[in-house]
C-alpha atoms as a PDB file:
ATOM      1  CA  LEU A   1      -1.971 -14.513   3.163  1.00  0.00           C
ATOM      2  CA  MET A   2      -0.564 -17.727   4.896  1.00  0.00           C
ATOM      3  CA  SER A   3      -1.478 -20.070   2.325  1.00  0.00           C
ATOM      4  CA  GLY A   4      -0.128 -18.115  -0.719  1.00  0.00           C
ATOM      5  CA  PRO A   5       3.410 -19.370  -0.717  1.00  0.00           C
ATOM      6  CA  PRO A   6       2.394 -23.046  -0.047  1.00  0.00           C
ATOM      7  CA  LEU A   7       0.025 -22.681  -2.875  1.00  0.00           C
ATOM      8  CA  TYR A   8       2.666 -21.389  -5.054  1.00  0.00           C
ATOM      9  CA  MET A   9       5.136 -24.219  -4.258  1.00  0.00           C
ATOM     10  CA  LEU A  10       2.483 -26.673  -5.016  1.00  0.00           C
ATOM     11  CA  ALA A  11       1.883 -25.025  -8.343  1.00  0.00           C
ATOM     12  CA  PHE A  12       5.384 -24.209  -9.539  1.00  0.00           C
ATOM     13  CA  GLY A  13       7.544 -26.526  -7.424  1.00  0.00           C
ATOM     14  CA  SER A  14       9.552 -23.899  -5.281  1.00  0.00           C
ATOM     15  CA  PHE A  15       8.774 -21.012  -3.018  1.00  0.00           C
ATOM     16  CA  PRO A  16       8.688 -17.632  -4.625  1.00  0.00           C
ATOM     17  CA  SER A  17      11.817 -15.597  -4.376  1.00  0.00           C
ATOM     18  CA  VAL A  18      11.446 -12.465  -2.390  1.00  0.00           C
ATOM     19  CA  THR A  19      14.115  -9.604  -2.472  1.00  0.00           C
ATOM     20  CA  ILE A  20      13.929  -6.470  -0.525  1.00  0.00           C
ATOM     21  CA  ALA A  21      16.284  -3.811  -1.985  1.00  0.00           C
ATOM     22  CA  THR A  22      16.378  -1.603   0.856  1.00  0.00           C
ATOM     23  CA  SER A  23      17.653  -1.412   4.589  1.00  0.00           C
ATOM     24  CA  LEU A  24      15.698  -2.912   7.610  1.00  0.00           C
ATOM     25  CA  PRO A  25      15.632   0.701   9.224  1.00  0.00           C
ATOM     26  CA  LEU A  26      14.006   2.054   6.086  1.00  0.00           C
ATOM     27  CA  VAL A  27      11.453  -0.903   5.894  1.00  0.00           C
ATOM     28  CA  LEU A  28      10.555  -0.272   9.736  1.00  0.00           C
ATOM     29  CA  VAL A  29      10.249   3.476   9.208  1.00  0.00           C
ATOM     30  CA  ALA A  30       8.106   2.993   6.140  1.00  0.00           C
ATOM     31  CA  GLY A  31       5.763   0.610   8.219  1.00  0.00           C
ATOM     32  CA  PHE A  32       5.382   3.007  10.934  1.00  0.00           C
ATOM     33  CA  ALA A  33       4.528   5.745   8.510  1.00  0.00           C
ATOM     34  CA  VAL A  34       1.829   3.512   6.853  1.00  0.00           C
ATOM     35  CA  GLY A  35       0.466   2.817  10.312  1.00  0.00           C
ATOM     36  CA  VAL A  36       0.363   6.486  11.240  1.00  0.00           C
ATOM     37  CA  GLY A  37      -1.270   7.429   7.954  1.00  0.00           C
ATOM     38  CA  THR A  38      -3.796   4.721   8.309  1.00  0.00           C
ATOM     39  CA  ARG A  39      -4.623   6.029  11.870  1.00  0.00           C
ATOM     40  CA  MET A  40      -4.842   9.766  10.737  1.00  0.00           C
ATOM     41  CA  GLY A  41      -7.085   8.795   7.661  1.00  0.00           C
ATOM     42  CA  SER A  42      -9.346   6.518   9.726  1.00  0.00           C
ATOM     43  CA  GLY A  43      -8.773   3.670   7.362  1.00  0.00           C
ATOM     44  CA  CYS A  44      -6.537   2.276   4.793  1.00  0.00           C
ATOM     45  CA  THR A  45      -6.411   3.015   0.975  1.00  0.00           C
ATOM     46  CA  SER A  46      -8.334  -0.051   0.139  1.00  0.00           C
ATOM     47  CA  GLY A  47     -10.828   0.409   2.756  1.00  0.00           C
ATOM     48  CA  HIS A  48     -11.682   3.809   1.371  1.00  0.00           C
ATOM     49  CA  GLY A  49     -11.134   3.091  -2.212  1.00  0.00           C
ATOM     50  CA  ILE A  50     -13.387   0.048  -2.315  1.00  0.00           C
ATOM     51  CA  LEU A  51     -15.968  -0.126   0.656  1.00  0.00           C
ATOM     52  CA  GLY A  52     -16.019   3.592   1.342  1.00  0.00           C
ATOM     53  CA  LEU A  53     -16.692   4.582  -2.340  1.00  0.00           C
ATOM     54  CA  ALA A  54     -19.231   1.792  -2.562  1.00  0.00           C
ATOM     55  CA  ARG A  55     -21.252   3.278   0.253  1.00  0.00           C
ATOM     56  CA  PHE A  56     -20.913   6.881  -1.002  1.00  0.00           C
ATOM     57  CA  SER A  57     -18.930   8.175   1.958  1.00  0.00           C
ATOM     58  CA  LYS A  58     -17.825  11.815   1.490  1.00  0.00           C
ATOM     59  CA  ARG A  59     -14.803  11.147   3.729  1.00  0.00           C
ATOM     60  CA  SER A  60     -13.761   8.215   1.697  1.00  0.00           C
ATOM     61  CA  TYR A  61     -14.198  10.295  -1.619  1.00  0.00           C
ATOM     62  CA  ALA A  62     -11.926  12.851   0.043  1.00  0.00           C
ATOM     63  CA  ALA A  63      -9.312  10.340   1.253  1.00  0.00           C
ATOM     64  CA  THR A  64      -9.094   8.476  -2.070  1.00  0.00           C
ATOM     65  CA  ALA A  65      -8.804  11.708  -4.118  1.00  0.00           C
ATOM     66  CA  THR A  66      -5.967  12.673  -1.728  1.00  0.00           C
ATOM     67  CA  PHE A  67      -4.219   9.333  -1.924  1.00  0.00           C
ATOM     68  CA  LEU A  68      -4.380   9.219  -5.712  1.00  0.00           C
ATOM     69  CA  LEU A  69      -3.052  13.018  -5.969  1.00  0.00           C
ATOM     70  CA  ALA A  70      -0.333  12.369  -3.573  1.00  0.00           C
ATOM     71  CA  GLY A  71       0.672   9.238  -5.106  1.00  0.00           C
ATOM     72  CA  GLY A  72       0.833  10.819  -8.473  1.00  0.00           C
ATOM     73  CA  ALA A  73       2.826  13.785  -7.226  1.00  0.00           C
ATOM     74  CA  MET A  74       5.305  11.623  -5.550  1.00  0.00           C
ATOM     75  CA  ALA A  75       5.924   9.240  -8.611  1.00  0.00           C
ATOM     76  CA  THR A  76       6.467  12.535 -10.734  1.00  0.00           C
ATOM     77  CA  LEU A  77       8.670  13.914  -8.158  1.00  0.00           C
ATOM     78  CA  MET A  78      10.776  10.656  -8.011  1.00  0.00           C
ATOM     79  CA  GLU A  79      10.930  10.662 -11.720  1.00  0.00           C
ATOM     80  CA  PHE A  80      11.911  13.998 -11.994  1.00  0.00           C
ATOM     81  CA  LEU A  81      14.691  13.595  -9.318  1.00  0.00           C
ATOM     82  CA  ARG A  82      16.272  10.528 -11.165  1.00  0.00           C
END
């Protein structure tokens, strides 16, 4: 993670531009929610989706299905509310 921006600068001549289009309090709340969800789910989405499925963990299958269904439902809801 630390070497990404310097490598980008070497390749393209400038640092990548980063724009966060929301308020700092919302970013902090979102980060806290991710931390709570990771703790409640006993791991992150990538851990369950890649490593857990590879070792045939029943809990990871359930967690990954939940992540995908919840993400799909939220994306559908957000599109509907537009």
